[in-house]
């Protein structure tokens, strides 16, 4: 029984990046042996175990055989006679198909280290085509590392899309990879790879229609890259992704990928309130209160940050505009919150909502200079 450090941890170590999770492959053992040594089994699909002390994942070396369409149509074989080379050969990309033994020696049968140095994402074997999730993963890795996709790998991805493999992707997996890609260093690269492979038209046709060629629309790329440079959260980045769509198109995409509620809400808000956000620093009391009400800021105060972030990314070269938007929204929200709703309800029991709204309008108006000054 031998253990090897494998996959992303070896890749990140060679890149000089922090290693977040360490994954190990065990050669020459079976489940009974792992249990005898105190490892705890996890999951029902794969022969994966947790180390009794470190709780890190140790997977038995395995091979795969395609048995049906999509990413679930596989049969796995894990046995003591499966070699490390057998296990590495089933992996997606050369940069993820390296291992390191206990002696520290790098095991790299597919040239992953050279591809890392060259900044290339290249598939290990034709078996890449058996799992459509790998199309999404290649796009995400391009967004993370800024690597180019090898021409032969891109051609294989296109053939997978043509063969209908991308149609087997379920919404949860599409969202998982799409959302992770949006949170990478260069989100626009993910979109470019998906569009060039033809996969974007299958998994997010609403976004694909915005492309007039292989390049990501300049304004969209600028928004996403600015959001990444600022470290803005996922709801903001998703809203920026769909801001050029109609509300109906954005909601169709959300339903298609089963996006979480806050991403759906911020997408709708960003599209509907886009014009007001452009002038948020100059809004009159009625417009400011209407914006607060429609975005539910009185209850969801954290959305003020999201609105300010969206305004910032719409004009990334104009920091003063974004600061003015944030300041105006903060002042209007604070004024609206300063109203004692309970006291007004006692004083005007016949028209509580109307009385509270009039008081909030007056409070916000009191922040604004009189007309003509």
Protein backbone atom coordinates (compact mmCIF):
# COMPACT_ATOMS: atom_id res chain seq x y z
CA UNK A 1 0.00 0.00 0.00
CA UNK A 2 1.43 3.35 -1.13
CA UNK A 3 -0.01 6.85 -0.93
CA UNK A 4 0.57 9.78 -3.27
CA UNK A 5 -0.35 13.42 -3.11
CA UNK A 6 -2.29 14.14 -6.32
CA UNK A 7 -4.18 16.66 -8.39
CA UNK A 8 -4.74 20.28 -7.49
CA UNK A 9 -2.47 20.31 -4.46
CA UNK A 10 0.51 19.26 -6.60
CA UNK A 11 -0.46 21.78 -9.28
CA UNK A 12 -0.79 24.67 -6.83
CA UNK A 13 2.45 23.78 -5.10
CA UNK A 14 4.29 23.97 -8.44
CA UNK A 15 2.65 27.32 -9.14
CA UNK A 16 3.76 28.64 -5.76
CA UNK A 17 0.15 29.07 -4.62
CA UNK A 18 -1.24 28.26 -1.17
CA UNK A 19 -2.44 24.65 -1.01
CA UNK A 20 -5.99 24.68 0.35
CA UNK A 21 -6.86 20.98 0.27
CA UNK A 22 -4.61 17.96 -0.05
CA UNK A 23 -5.94 14.91 -1.87
CA UNK A 24 -4.27 11.53 -1.81
CA UNK A 25 -4.50 8.40 -3.92
CA UNK A 26 -3.87 5.01 -2.35
CA UNK A 27 -2.38 2.24 -4.52
CA UNK A 28 -2.34 -1.42 -3.58
CA UNK A 29 -5.23 -1.47 -1.11
CA UNK A 30 -8.93 -2.28 -1.02
CA UNK A 31 -11.77 -0.93 1.16
CA UNK A 32 -11.30 -3.66 3.76
CA UNK A 33 -7.64 -2.71 4.21
CA UNK A 34 -8.53 0.97 4.57
CA UNK A 35 -11.07 0.14 7.25
CA UNK A 36 -8.56 -2.04 9.09
CA UNK A 37 -6.19 0.89 9.27
CA UNK A 38 -8.84 3.15 10.78
CA UNK A 39 -9.89 5.18 7.74
CA UNK A 40 -13.51 6.33 7.68
CA UNK A 41 -15.52 5.80 4.44
CA UNK A 42 -17.33 8.82 3.00
CA UNK A 43 -19.92 8.99 0.22
CA UNK A 44 -21.60 6.17 -1.62
CA UNK A 45 -20.31 6.67 -5.16
CA UNK A 46 -16.53 6.64 -4.81
CA UNK A 47 -14.03 4.64 -2.72
CA UNK A 48 -12.98 7.67 -0.65
CA UNK A 49 -11.89 7.60 2.99
CA UNK A 50 -10.94 10.10 5.68
CA UNK A 51 -7.59 9.74 7.45
CA UNK A 52 -8.18 8.80 11.12
CA UNK A 53 -6.02 11.69 12.41
CA UNK A 54 -5.83 14.43 9.76
CA UNK A 55 -9.30 13.80 8.24
CA UNK A 56 -7.84 14.47 4.79
CA UNK A 57 -9.30 12.55 1.85
CA UNK A 58 -7.64 9.36 0.61
CA UNK A 59 -9.14 7.76 -2.49
CA UNK A 60 -8.35 4.30 -3.77
CA UNK A 61 -6.74 4.37 -7.20
CA UNK A 62 -9.47 3.72 -9.75
CA UNK A 63 -10.35 3.54 -13.40
CA UNK A 64 -13.57 4.64 -15.09
CA UNK A 65 -15.71 3.26 -17.89
CA UNK A 66 -18.44 5.22 -19.66
CA UNK A 67 -21.81 3.48 -19.38
CA UNK A 68 -24.30 6.23 -20.27
CA UNK A 69 -24.74 9.88 -21.27
CA UNK A 70 -23.80 12.84 -19.08
CA UNK A 71 -21.48 13.06 -16.12
CA UNK A 72 -23.21 10.36 -14.07
CA UNK A 73 -22.94 7.62 -16.66
CA UNK A 74 -19.76 5.98 -15.32
CA UNK A 75 -18.76 2.71 -13.74
CA UNK A 76 -15.73 2.77 -11.46
CA UNK A 77 -13.22 0.05 -10.76
CA UNK A 78 -11.04 0.29 -7.65
CA UNK A 79 -8.80 -2.63 -6.75
CA UNK A 80 -5.23 -3.26 -5.53
CA UNK A 81 -4.08 -3.90 -9.11
CA UNK A 82 -5.02 -0.39 -10.31
CA UNK A 83 -1.78 1.58 -10.70
CA UNK A 84 -1.08 5.24 -10.06
CA UNK A 85 -0.60 5.72 -13.81
CA UNK A 86 -4.06 4.18 -14.42
CA UNK A 87 -5.58 6.66 -11.96
CA UNK A 88 -3.79 9.70 -13.39
CA UNK A 89 -4.79 8.79 -16.93
CA UNK A 90 -8.50 9.18 -16.13
CA UNK A 91 -8.07 12.80 -14.98
CA UNK A 92 -9.20 15.79 -16.98
CA UNK A 93 -6.17 18.02 -17.62
CA UNK A 94 -2.45 17.42 -17.64
CA UNK A 95 -1.95 20.07 -14.94
CA UNK A 96 -4.27 18.03 -12.68
CA UNK A 97 -2.70 14.66 -13.53
CA UNK A 98 0.48 14.88 -11.49
CA UNK A 99 1.41 13.19 -8.24
CA UNK A 100 4.10 13.36 -5.62
CA UNK A 101 5.30 10.34 -3.66
CA UNK A 102 6.46 10.11 -0.05
CA UNK A 103 10.02 10.59 -1.29
CA UNK A 104 9.08 13.95 -2.81
CA UNK A 105 9.57 12.81 -6.40
CA UNK A 106 7.23 14.37 -8.96
CA UNK A 107 5.33 11.83 -11.08
CA UNK A 108 4.21 13.54 -14.27
CA UNK A 109 3.42 11.07 -17.06
CA UNK A 110 1.45 13.55 -19.19
CA UNK A 111 3.64 16.65 -19.15
CA UNK A 112 1.59 18.68 -16.69
CA UNK A 113 4.59 20.61 -15.35
CA UNK A 114 5.54 21.74 -18.86
CA UNK A 115 1.95 22.83 -19.54
CA UNK A 116 1.91 24.74 -16.27
CA UNK A 117 5.04 26.58 -17.30
CA UNK A 118 3.59 27.33 -20.75
CA UNK A 119 0.17 28.34 -19.38
CA UNK A 120 -1.74 25.68 -21.33
CA UNK A 121 -4.87 23.73 -20.46
CA UNK A 122 -4.60 20.38 -22.27
CA UNK A 123 -6.68 17.23 -21.89
CA UNK A 124 -5.00 14.03 -20.75
CA UNK A 125 -6.70 11.54 -23.06
CA UNK A 126 -9.74 11.10 -25.34
CA UNK A 127 -11.64 9.99 -22.23
CA UNK A 128 -11.99 13.72 -21.47
CA UNK A 129 -14.96 13.67 -23.85
CA UNK A 130 -16.88 11.29 -21.59
CA UNK A 131 -17.67 13.93 -18.94
CA UNK A 132 -19.35 17.21 -20.05
CA UNK A 133 -18.61 18.88 -16.70
CA UNK A 134 -15.02 19.06 -17.89
CA UNK A 135 -15.99 21.69 -20.45
CA UNK A 136 -17.11 23.93 -17.61
CA UNK A 137 -14.04 23.11 -15.54
CA UNK A 138 -11.68 24.06 -18.37
CA UNK A 139 -13.45 27.41 -18.66
CA UNK A 140 -13.19 27.94 -14.91
CA UNK A 141 -9.50 27.05 -14.80
CA UNK A 142 -8.90 29.53 -17.62
CA UNK A 143 -10.58 32.19 -15.48
CA UNK A 144 -8.50 31.21 -12.46
CA UNK A 145 -5.05 30.97 -14.00
CA UNK A 146 -5.39 32.97 -17.20
CA UNK A 147 -4.22 29.93 -19.19
CA UNK A 148 -4.99 29.33 -22.86
CA UNK A 149 -6.84 26.22 -24.00
CA UNK A 150 -4.80 23.92 -26.23
CA UNK A 151 -6.23 23.87 -29.79
CA UNK A 152 -6.78 20.12 -29.69
CA UNK A 153 -8.61 20.40 -26.37
CA UNK A 154 -10.84 23.19 -27.67
CA UNK A 155 -11.61 21.11 -30.75
CA UNK A 156 -12.56 18.18 -28.51
CA UNK A 157 -14.81 20.41 -26.41
CA UNK A 158 -16.57 21.61 -29.55
CA UNK A 159 -17.15 18.06 -30.71
CA UNK A 160 -18.61 17.20 -27.30
CA UNK A 161 -21.07 20.08 -27.60
CA UNK A 162 -22.01 19.03 -31.14
CA UNK A 163 -22.58 15.47 -29.91
CA UNK A 164 -25.05 16.76 -27.32
CA UNK A 165 -22.94 15.96 -24.23
CA UNK A 166 -23.43 19.50 -22.85
CA UNK A 167 -27.20 18.99 -22.99
CA UNK A 168 -26.87 16.37 -20.24
CA UNK A 169 -25.56 18.90 -17.71
CA UNK A 170 -27.94 19.41 -14.82
CA UNK A 171 -28.65 22.94 -13.50
CA UNK A 172 -26.86 22.38 -10.19
CA UNK A 173 -23.55 21.48 -11.87
CA UNK A 174 -23.81 24.35 -14.34
CA UNK A 175 -24.43 26.81 -11.51
CA UNK A 176 -21.65 25.34 -9.40
CA UNK A 177 -19.06 25.88 -12.12
CA UNK A 178 -20.50 29.17 -13.38
CA UNK A 179 -20.59 30.71 -9.91
CA UNK A 180 -17.09 29.53 -9.09
CA UNK A 181 -15.85 30.90 -12.40
CA UNK A 182 -17.43 34.28 -11.68
CA UNK A 183 -15.46 34.40 -8.42
CA UNK A 184 -12.12 33.76 -10.14
CA UNK A 185 -9.52 36.36 -11.08
CA UNK A 186 -10.62 36.75 -14.73
CA UNK A 187 -14.33 35.85 -15.04
CA UNK A 188 -14.50 37.07 -18.64
CA UNK A 189 -12.08 34.34 -19.71
CA UNK A 190 -14.58 31.73 -18.56
CA UNK A 191 -17.26 33.25 -20.77
CA UNK A 192 -14.87 33.44 -23.71
CA UNK A 193 -13.93 29.75 -23.45
CA UNK A 194 -17.55 28.65 -23.07
CA UNK A 195 -18.58 30.73 -26.06
CA UNK A 196 -15.71 29.56 -28.26
CA UNK A 197 -16.44 25.93 -27.44
CA UNK A 198 -20.13 26.37 -28.23
CA UNK A 199 -21.15 25.40 -24.68
CA UNK A 200 -22.43 28.86 -23.72
CA UNK A 201 -25.25 28.59 -26.27
CA UNK A 202 -26.33 25.33 -24.61
CA UNK A 203 -26.04 26.19 -20.92
CA UNK A 204 -26.75 29.95 -21.04
CA UNK A 205 -28.21 30.96 -24.41
CA UNK A 206 -29.31 34.31 -22.99
CA UNK A 207 -25.66 35.25 -22.49
CA UNK A 208 -24.52 33.76 -25.77
CA UNK A 209 -26.80 36.11 -27.70
CA UNK A 210 -24.78 39.09 -26.43
CA UNK A 211 -21.72 37.90 -28.37
CA UNK A 212 -21.18 39.20 -31.89
CA UNK A 213 -17.93 37.21 -32.24
CA UNK A 214 -15.54 35.18 -30.13
CA UNK A 215 -14.64 38.10 -27.86
CA UNK A 216 -16.53 38.93 -24.68
CA UNK A 217 -18.35 42.28 -25.14
CA UNK A 218 -15.91 44.95 -23.94
CA UNK A 219 -18.23 46.61 -21.45
CA UNK A 220 -19.18 43.25 -19.89
CA UNK A 221 -15.55 42.18 -19.58
CA UNK A 222 -14.64 45.54 -18.01
CA UNK A 223 -17.42 45.22 -15.41
CA UNK A 224 -16.51 41.68 -14.43
CA UNK A 225 -12.78 42.31 -14.27
CA UNK A 226 -13.32 45.40 -12.10
CA UNK A 227 -15.59 43.44 -9.76
CA UNK A 228 -12.92 40.74 -9.49
CA UNK A 229 -10.19 43.29 -8.76
CA UNK A 230 -12.35 44.72 -5.96
CA UNK A 231 -13.23 41.33 -4.53
CA UNK A 232 -16.96 41.93 -4.82
CA UNK A 233 -19.28 39.05 -3.81
CA UNK A 234 -21.16 36.66 -6.06
CA UNK A 235 -24.58 38.42 -6.11
CA UNK A 236 -22.90 41.57 -7.41
CA UNK A 237 -20.91 39.72 -10.05
CA UNK A 238 -23.93 37.79 -11.24
CA UNK A 239 -25.97 40.99 -11.49
CA UNK A 240 -23.21 42.55 -13.57
CA UNK A 241 -23.17 39.47 -15.78
CA UNK A 242 -26.84 39.87 -16.76
CA UNK A 243 -27.30 43.65 -16.61
CA UNK A 244 -27.60 43.96 -20.39
CA UNK A 245 -30.40 41.38 -20.53
CA UNK A 246 -34.09 42.06 -20.02
CA UNK A 247 -35.56 41.08 -16.67
CA UNK A 248 -37.35 38.21 -18.40
CA UNK A 249 -34.14 36.93 -20.01
CA UNK A 250 -32.23 37.18 -16.74
CA UNK A 251 -34.93 35.33 -14.84
CA UNK A 252 -35.02 32.64 -17.53
CA UNK A 253 -31.30 32.14 -17.08
CA UNK A 254 -31.70 32.04 -13.31
CA UNK A 255 -34.34 29.34 -13.65
CA UNK A 256 -32.20 27.43 -16.15
CA UNK A 257 -29.21 27.20 -13.77
CA UNK A 258 -31.21 27.23 -10.52
CA UNK A 259 -29.45 30.36 -9.24
CA UNK A 260 -29.91 31.16 -5.52
CA UNK A 261 -32.50 33.74 -4.50
CA UNK A 262 -30.13 36.61 -3.68
CA UNK A 263 -28.47 36.33 -7.09
CA UNK A 264 -31.90 36.31 -8.74
CA UNK A 265 -33.02 39.32 -6.72
CA UNK A 266 -29.89 41.36 -7.40
CA UNK A 267 -30.08 40.55 -11.10
CA UNK A 268 -33.65 41.86 -11.24
CA UNK A 269 -32.82 44.93 -9.17
CA UNK A 270 -29.71 45.81 -11.20
CA UNK A 271 -31.64 45.69 -14.47
CA UNK A 272 -34.74 47.54 -13.30
CA UNK A 273 -32.92 50.22 -11.30
CA UNK A 274 -30.03 50.76 -13.69
CA UNK A 275 -31.11 54.23 -14.78
CA UNK A 276 -31.75 55.40 -11.22
CA UNK A 277 -28.38 54.10 -10.07
CA UNK A 278 -26.80 56.23 -12.79
CA UNK A 279 -28.25 59.32 -11.09
CA UNK A 280 -28.49 58.09 -7.51
CA UNK A 281 -26.43 60.99 -6.17
CA UNK A 282 -29.00 63.46 -7.58
CA UNK A 283 -32.32 61.76 -6.85
CA UNK A 284 -35.24 63.72 -5.38
CA UNK A 285 -36.94 62.40 -2.26
CA UNK A 286 -39.67 60.51 -4.11
CA UNK A 287 -37.19 58.72 -6.40
CA UNK A 288 -34.85 57.93 -3.51
CA UNK A 289 -37.63 56.49 -1.36
CA UNK A 290 -39.01 54.54 -4.32
CA UNK A 291 -35.59 52.98 -4.85
CA UNK A 292 -35.35 52.10 -1.15
CA UNK A 293 -38.81 50.51 -1.22
CA UNK A 294 -38.33 48.50 -4.41
CA UNK A 295 -34.98 47.13 -3.28
CA UNK A 296 -36.25 46.42 0.26
CA UNK A 297 -33.32 48.33 1.74
CA UNK A 298 -35.09 49.02 5.02
CA UNK A 299 -35.03 45.30 5.78
CA UNK A 300 -32.10 44.26 3.62
CA UNK A 301 -29.52 46.92 4.38
CA UNK A 302 -26.68 44.84 2.95
CA UNK A 303 -28.13 45.47 -0.49
CA UNK A 304 -26.90 49.04 -0.29
CA UNK A 305 -23.39 47.65 -0.61
CA UNK A 306 -24.45 45.61 -3.63
CA UNK A 307 -26.00 48.67 -5.32
CA UNK A 308 -22.90 50.75 -4.67
CA UNK A 309 -20.71 47.96 -6.05
CA UNK A 310 -22.80 47.73 -9.21
CA UNK A 311 -22.57 51.49 -9.68
CA UNK A 312 -18.81 51.29 -9.18
CA UNK A 313 -18.42 48.63 -11.87
CA UNK A 314 -20.58 50.51 -14.35
CA UNK A 315 -18.03 53.33 -14.27
CA UNK A 316 -14.80 51.74 -13.03
CA UNK A 317 -12.66 54.74 -13.97
CA UNK A 318 -14.84 57.20 -12.01
CA UNK A 319 -14.32 56.46 -8.33
CA UNK A 320 -15.97 59.74 -7.28
CA UNK A 321 -19.23 58.78 -8.95
CA UNK A 322 -19.39 55.48 -7.05
CA UNK A 323 -18.57 57.22 -3.76
CA UNK A 324 -21.30 59.79 -4.38
CA UNK A 325 -23.85 57.06 -5.11
CA UNK A 326 -22.96 55.23 -1.90
CA UNK A 327 -23.09 58.41 0.16
CA UNK A 328 -26.47 59.47 -1.24
CA UNK A 329 -28.01 56.05 -0.66
CA UNK A 330 -26.62 55.84 2.87
CA UNK A 331 -27.99 59.28 3.78
CA UNK A 332 -31.43 58.59 2.29
CA UNK A 333 -31.66 55.20 3.99
CA UNK A 334 -30.60 56.64 7.33
CA UNK A 335 -33.22 59.37 7.00
CA UNK A 336 -35.94 56.86 6.19
CA UNK A 337 -34.94 54.72 9.15
CA UNK A 338 -35.00 57.71 11.48
CA UNK A 339 -38.79 57.87 11.22
CA UNK A 340 -40.54 56.49 14.31
CA UNK A 341 -43.06 54.24 12.61
CA UNK A 342 -44.67 53.13 15.88
CA UNK A 343 -45.33 56.69 16.98
CA UNK A 344 -46.83 57.60 13.61
CA UNK A 345 -49.06 54.52 13.70
CA UNK A 346 -50.47 55.66 17.03
CA UNK A 347 -51.06 59.20 15.74
CA UNK A 348 -52.59 58.24 12.38
CA UNK A 349 -54.33 54.87 12.90
CA UNK A 350 -56.59 55.35 9.88
CA UNK A 351 -53.72 55.61 7.38
CA UNK A 352 -50.62 54.05 8.89
CA UNK A 353 -48.75 53.11 5.66
CA UNK A 354 -49.46 56.46 4.02
CA UNK A 355 -48.49 58.47 7.10
CA UNK A 356 -45.23 56.56 7.52
CA UNK A 357 -44.35 57.04 3.86
CA UNK A 358 -45.05 60.78 4.02
CA UNK A 359 -42.82 61.06 7.08
CA UNK A 360 -40.02 59.20 5.33
CA UNK A 361 -40.34 61.44 2.28
CA UNK A 362 -40.10 64.51 4.50
CA UNK A 363 -37.05 63.10 6.28
CA UNK A 364 -35.26 62.38 3.00
CA UNK A 365 -36.30 65.75 1.52
CA UNK A 366 -34.78 67.48 4.52
CA UNK A 367 -31.37 66.24 3.39
CA UNK A 368 -31.67 67.87 0.00
CA UNK A 369 -30.97 71.55 -0.82
CA UNK A 370 -34.01 73.65 -1.71
CA UNK A 371 -34.79 74.02 -5.42
CA UNK A 372 -32.79 76.81 -7.01
CA UNK A 373 -29.91 76.69 -4.49
